[in-house]
């Protein structure tokens, strides 16, 4: 975050991070608004593109074995329906 950027502005632009428990572990999940979506990503759920200006989710492990930095570096951008319907691996 830019030191001059207000915390409320960051939340409005990048969404509020929440912690989600699931059968495949604990996840940080953040909704990215259409205004905050500036790049093209590939959804790991369906393999299709998430274009700029498309509201979506970004998720990363909260319980990554090699720590928070590695977890944040491995974050992925998902379509909301793909995230909600993902299959869990046991």
N, C-alpha and C. Protein backbone atom coordinates (compact mmCIF):
# COMPACT_ATOMS: atom_id res chain seq x y z
N UNK A 1 0.84 -1.18 0.00
CA UNK A 1 0.00 0.00 0.00
C UNK A 1 0.88 1.24 0.00
N UNK A 2 0.52 2.23 -0.77
CA UNK A 2 1.18 3.51 -0.80
C UNK A 2 1.01 4.16 0.56
N UNK A 3 2.09 4.74 1.11
CA UNK A 3 2.01 5.35 2.44
C UNK A 3 1.00 6.48 2.52
N UNK A 4 0.70 7.11 1.38
CA UNK A 4 -0.24 8.22 1.38
C UNK A 4 -1.68 7.76 1.20
N UNK A 5 -1.89 6.50 0.89
CA UNK A 5 -3.23 5.97 0.65
C UNK A 5 -3.93 5.68 1.97
N UNK A 6 -5.14 6.15 2.10
CA UNK A 6 -5.93 5.94 3.31
C UNK A 6 -6.41 4.49 3.38
N UNK A 7 -6.50 3.91 4.60
CA UNK A 7 -6.99 2.53 4.73
C UNK A 7 -8.38 2.33 4.14
N UNK A 8 -9.28 3.29 4.28
CA UNK A 8 -10.64 3.15 3.73
C UNK A 8 -10.60 3.11 2.21
N UNK A 9 -9.64 3.84 1.61
CA UNK A 9 -9.51 3.84 0.16
C UNK A 9 -9.01 2.49 -0.33
N UNK A 10 -8.08 1.89 0.41
CA UNK A 10 -7.58 0.56 0.06
C UNK A 10 -8.72 -0.46 0.12
N UNK A 11 -9.56 -0.41 1.16
CA UNK A 11 -10.68 -1.34 1.28
C UNK A 11 -11.69 -1.14 0.16
N UNK A 12 -11.94 0.10 -0.22
CA UNK A 12 -12.88 0.38 -1.30
C UNK A 12 -12.34 -0.11 -2.63
N UNK A 13 -11.04 0.02 -2.83
CA UNK A 13 -10.45 -0.36 -4.11
C UNK A 13 -10.20 -1.86 -4.21
N UNK A 14 -9.67 -2.46 -3.13
CA UNK A 14 -9.25 -3.86 -3.18
C UNK A 14 -10.16 -4.82 -2.43
N UNK A 15 -11.16 -4.32 -1.74
CA UNK A 15 -12.07 -5.20 -1.02
C UNK A 15 -11.58 -5.51 0.38
N UNK A 16 -12.46 -6.09 1.15
CA UNK A 16 -12.15 -6.45 2.54
C UNK A 16 -11.76 -7.92 2.57
N UNK A 17 -10.65 -8.19 3.19
CA UNK A 17 -10.16 -9.56 3.30
C UNK A 17 -10.92 -10.27 4.41
N UNK A 18 -11.34 -11.52 4.14
CA UNK A 18 -11.99 -12.32 5.16
C UNK A 18 -11.31 -13.68 5.24
N UNK A 19 -11.43 -14.30 6.37
CA UNK A 19 -10.86 -15.62 6.58
C UNK A 19 -11.96 -16.65 6.38
N UNK A 20 -11.67 -17.68 5.57
CA UNK A 20 -12.68 -18.69 5.25
C UNK A 20 -12.13 -20.08 5.56
N UNK A 21 -12.88 -20.82 6.37
CA UNK A 21 -12.53 -22.21 6.66
C UNK A 21 -13.22 -23.10 5.64
N UNK A 22 -12.48 -24.07 5.12
CA UNK A 22 -13.01 -25.00 4.12
C UNK A 22 -12.39 -26.37 4.35
N UNK A 23 -12.95 -27.42 3.75
CA UNK A 23 -12.37 -28.75 3.92
C UNK A 23 -10.91 -28.85 3.44
N UNK A 24 -10.51 -27.96 2.54
CA UNK A 24 -9.13 -27.99 2.04
C UNK A 24 -8.23 -27.00 2.76
N UNK A 25 -8.66 -26.48 3.89
CA UNK A 25 -7.81 -25.59 4.70
C UNK A 25 -8.45 -24.26 4.98
N UNK A 26 -7.63 -23.37 5.48
CA UNK A 26 -8.09 -22.03 5.81
C UNK A 26 -7.56 -21.07 4.74
N UNK A 27 -8.40 -20.16 4.28
CA UNK A 27 -8.08 -19.28 3.17
C UNK A 27 -8.36 -17.82 3.50
N UNK A 28 -7.49 -16.95 3.01
CA UNK A 28 -7.78 -15.52 2.97
C UNK A 28 -8.49 -15.30 1.64
N UNK A 29 -9.63 -14.63 1.66
CA UNK A 29 -10.40 -14.37 0.44
C UNK A 29 -10.73 -12.89 0.40
N UNK A 30 -10.48 -12.29 -0.74
CA UNK A 30 -10.78 -10.87 -0.93
C UNK A 30 -11.54 -10.68 -2.23
N UNK A 31 -12.64 -9.96 -2.17
CA UNK A 31 -13.41 -9.64 -3.37
C UNK A 31 -12.77 -8.42 -4.03
N UNK A 32 -12.49 -8.53 -5.31
CA UNK A 32 -11.93 -7.44 -6.08
C UNK A 32 -13.07 -6.81 -6.89
N UNK A 33 -13.28 -5.52 -6.70
CA UNK A 33 -14.36 -4.84 -7.42
C UNK A 33 -13.98 -4.65 -8.88
N UNK A 34 -14.95 -4.33 -9.69
CA UNK A 34 -14.68 -4.10 -11.11
C UNK A 34 -13.75 -2.90 -11.29
N UNK A 35 -13.83 -1.93 -10.40
CA UNK A 35 -12.95 -0.76 -10.47
C UNK A 35 -11.51 -1.14 -10.13
N UNK A 36 -11.33 -2.06 -9.19
CA UNK A 36 -9.99 -2.47 -8.76
C UNK A 36 -9.36 -3.53 -9.64
N UNK A 37 -10.12 -4.11 -10.56
CA UNK A 37 -9.61 -5.18 -11.43
C UNK A 37 -8.97 -4.57 -12.67
N UNK A 38 -7.64 -4.53 -12.68
CA UNK A 38 -6.94 -3.83 -13.76
C UNK A 38 -6.17 -4.75 -14.71
N UNK A 39 -6.01 -6.01 -14.36
CA UNK A 39 -5.22 -6.94 -15.17
C UNK A 39 -6.08 -8.11 -15.63
N UNK A 40 -5.50 -8.92 -16.50
CA UNK A 40 -6.14 -10.17 -16.93
C UNK A 40 -5.52 -11.32 -16.15
N UNK A 41 -6.36 -12.18 -15.61
CA UNK A 41 -5.93 -13.36 -14.86
C UNK A 41 -6.60 -14.59 -15.45
N UNK A 42 -6.06 -15.75 -15.14
CA UNK A 42 -6.67 -17.01 -15.54
C UNK A 42 -7.25 -17.68 -14.29
N UNK A 43 -8.52 -17.96 -14.31
CA UNK A 43 -9.19 -18.61 -13.19
C UNK A 43 -8.74 -20.07 -13.12
N UNK A 44 -8.23 -20.52 -11.96
CA UNK A 44 -7.81 -21.92 -11.84
C UNK A 44 -8.99 -22.89 -11.82
N UNK A 45 -10.18 -22.40 -11.58
CA UNK A 45 -11.36 -23.27 -11.53
C UNK A 45 -11.84 -23.71 -12.90
N UNK A 46 -11.86 -22.77 -13.85
CA UNK A 46 -12.40 -23.08 -15.18
C UNK A 46 -11.39 -22.89 -16.30
N UNK A 47 -10.27 -22.25 -15.99
CA UNK A 47 -9.24 -22.03 -17.00
C UNK A 47 -9.52 -20.88 -17.94
N UNK A 48 -10.63 -20.17 -17.71
CA UNK A 48 -10.97 -19.03 -18.57
C UNK A 48 -10.40 -17.74 -18.00
N UNK A 49 -10.33 -16.73 -18.85
CA UNK A 49 -9.77 -15.44 -18.45
C UNK A 49 -10.74 -14.64 -17.59
N UNK A 50 -10.15 -13.87 -16.69
CA UNK A 50 -10.87 -12.85 -15.93
C UNK A 50 -10.27 -11.54 -16.42
N UNK A 51 -11.03 -10.80 -17.19
CA UNK A 51 -10.51 -9.59 -17.81
C UNK A 51 -10.54 -8.37 -16.91
N UNK A 52 -9.82 -7.32 -17.31
CA UNK A 52 -9.88 -6.05 -16.56
C UNK A 52 -11.32 -5.57 -16.47
N UNK A 53 -11.67 -5.02 -15.32
CA UNK A 53 -13.02 -4.52 -15.12
C UNK A 53 -14.03 -5.58 -14.70
N UNK A 54 -13.56 -6.81 -14.46
CA UNK A 54 -14.44 -7.91 -14.05
C UNK A 54 -14.29 -8.17 -12.56
N UNK A 55 -15.38 -8.06 -11.82
CA UNK A 55 -15.36 -8.36 -10.39
C UNK A 55 -15.01 -9.83 -10.20
N UNK A 56 -14.14 -10.12 -9.23
CA UNK A 56 -13.71 -11.50 -8.98
C UNK A 56 -13.17 -11.62 -7.56
N UNK A 57 -12.66 -12.80 -7.22
CA UNK A 57 -12.07 -13.05 -5.90
C UNK A 57 -10.60 -13.36 -6.05
N UNK A 58 -9.83 -13.01 -5.04
CA UNK A 58 -8.46 -13.46 -4.95
C UNK A 58 -8.35 -14.25 -3.64
N UNK A 59 -7.71 -15.41 -3.70
CA UNK A 59 -7.63 -16.28 -2.52
C UNK A 59 -6.21 -16.81 -2.36
N UNK A 60 -5.80 -16.94 -1.09
CA UNK A 60 -4.51 -17.53 -0.78
C UNK A 60 -4.60 -18.21 0.58
N UNK A 61 -3.78 -19.24 0.75
CA UNK A 61 -3.82 -20.06 1.97
C UNK A 61 -3.49 -19.24 3.21
N UNK A 62 -4.25 -19.47 4.26
CA UNK A 62 -3.96 -18.84 5.55
C UNK A 62 -3.08 -19.77 6.38
N UNK A 63 -2.99 -21.03 5.96
CA UNK A 63 -2.24 -22.03 6.73
C UNK A 63 -1.14 -22.66 5.87
N UNK A 64 -0.51 -21.86 5.03
CA UNK A 64 0.54 -22.36 4.13
C UNK A 64 1.74 -22.84 4.94
N UNK A 65 2.27 -23.99 4.62
CA UNK A 65 3.36 -24.60 5.39
C UNK A 65 4.64 -23.77 5.35
N UNK A 66 4.83 -22.93 4.34
CA UNK A 66 6.09 -22.17 4.28
C UNK A 66 5.91 -20.69 4.62
N UNK A 67 4.78 -20.33 5.21
CA UNK A 67 4.61 -18.98 5.73
C UNK A 67 3.75 -18.06 4.88
N UNK A 68 3.51 -16.89 5.44
CA UNK A 68 2.62 -15.92 4.82
C UNK A 68 3.14 -15.36 3.50
N UNK A 69 4.44 -15.11 3.41
CA UNK A 69 4.99 -14.55 2.17
C UNK A 69 4.82 -15.51 1.00
N UNK A 70 5.12 -16.78 1.24
CA UNK A 70 4.97 -17.79 0.18
C UNK A 70 3.50 -17.95 -0.18
N UNK A 71 2.64 -17.88 0.81
CA UNK A 71 1.21 -18.00 0.57
C UNK A 71 0.70 -16.85 -0.28
N UNK A 72 1.09 -15.63 0.06
CA UNK A 72 0.65 -14.46 -0.70
C UNK A 72 1.18 -14.50 -2.13
N UNK A 73 2.38 -15.00 -2.32
CA UNK A 73 2.96 -15.11 -3.66
C UNK A 73 2.21 -16.15 -4.51
N UNK A 74 1.56 -17.11 -3.84
CA UNK A 74 0.84 -18.18 -4.55
C UNK A 74 -0.66 -17.87 -4.69
N UNK A 75 -1.06 -16.65 -4.41
CA UNK A 75 -2.49 -16.31 -4.49
C UNK A 75 -2.99 -16.44 -5.92
N UNK A 76 -4.29 -16.74 -6.04
CA UNK A 76 -4.92 -16.94 -7.34
C UNK A 76 -6.21 -16.14 -7.43
N UNK A 77 -6.54 -15.75 -8.63
CA UNK A 77 -7.75 -14.98 -8.90
C UNK A 77 -8.81 -15.92 -9.48
N UNK A 78 -10.02 -15.86 -8.91
CA UNK A 78 -11.09 -16.80 -9.24
C UNK A 78 -12.36 -16.07 -9.63
N UNK A 79 -13.15 -16.68 -10.51
CA UNK A 79 -14.53 -16.25 -10.69
C UNK A 79 -15.26 -16.64 -9.40
N UNK A 80 -16.17 -15.82 -8.90
CA UNK A 80 -16.88 -16.18 -7.66
C UNK A 80 -17.58 -17.55 -7.72
N UNK A 81 -18.24 -17.86 -8.84
CA UNK A 81 -18.92 -19.16 -8.94
C UNK A 81 -17.92 -20.31 -8.94
N UNK A 82 -16.78 -20.13 -9.57
CA UNK A 82 -15.76 -21.18 -9.60
C UNK A 82 -15.20 -21.42 -8.19
N UNK A 83 -14.98 -20.35 -7.45
CA UNK A 83 -14.48 -20.49 -6.07
C UNK A 83 -15.51 -21.22 -5.21
N UNK A 84 -16.77 -20.82 -5.31
CA UNK A 84 -17.82 -21.43 -4.49
C UNK A 84 -18.06 -22.89 -4.84
N UNK A 85 -17.80 -23.29 -6.07
CA UNK A 85 -18.09 -24.66 -6.49
C UNK A 85 -16.83 -25.50 -6.68
N UNK A 86 -15.68 -25.00 -6.21
CA UNK A 86 -14.43 -25.75 -6.41
C UNK A 86 -14.51 -27.10 -5.70
N UNK A 87 -13.79 -28.06 -6.21
CA UNK A 87 -13.74 -29.37 -5.56
C UNK A 87 -12.60 -29.37 -4.56
N UNK A 88 -12.82 -29.97 -3.44
CA UNK A 88 -11.82 -30.03 -2.39
C UNK A 88 -11.02 -31.31 -2.54
N UNK A 89 -9.73 -31.21 -2.33
CA UNK A 89 -8.86 -32.38 -2.40
C UNK A 89 -8.49 -32.80 -0.98
N UNK A 90 -8.74 -34.06 -0.67
CA UNK A 90 -8.45 -34.54 0.69
C UNK A 90 -7.14 -35.28 0.73
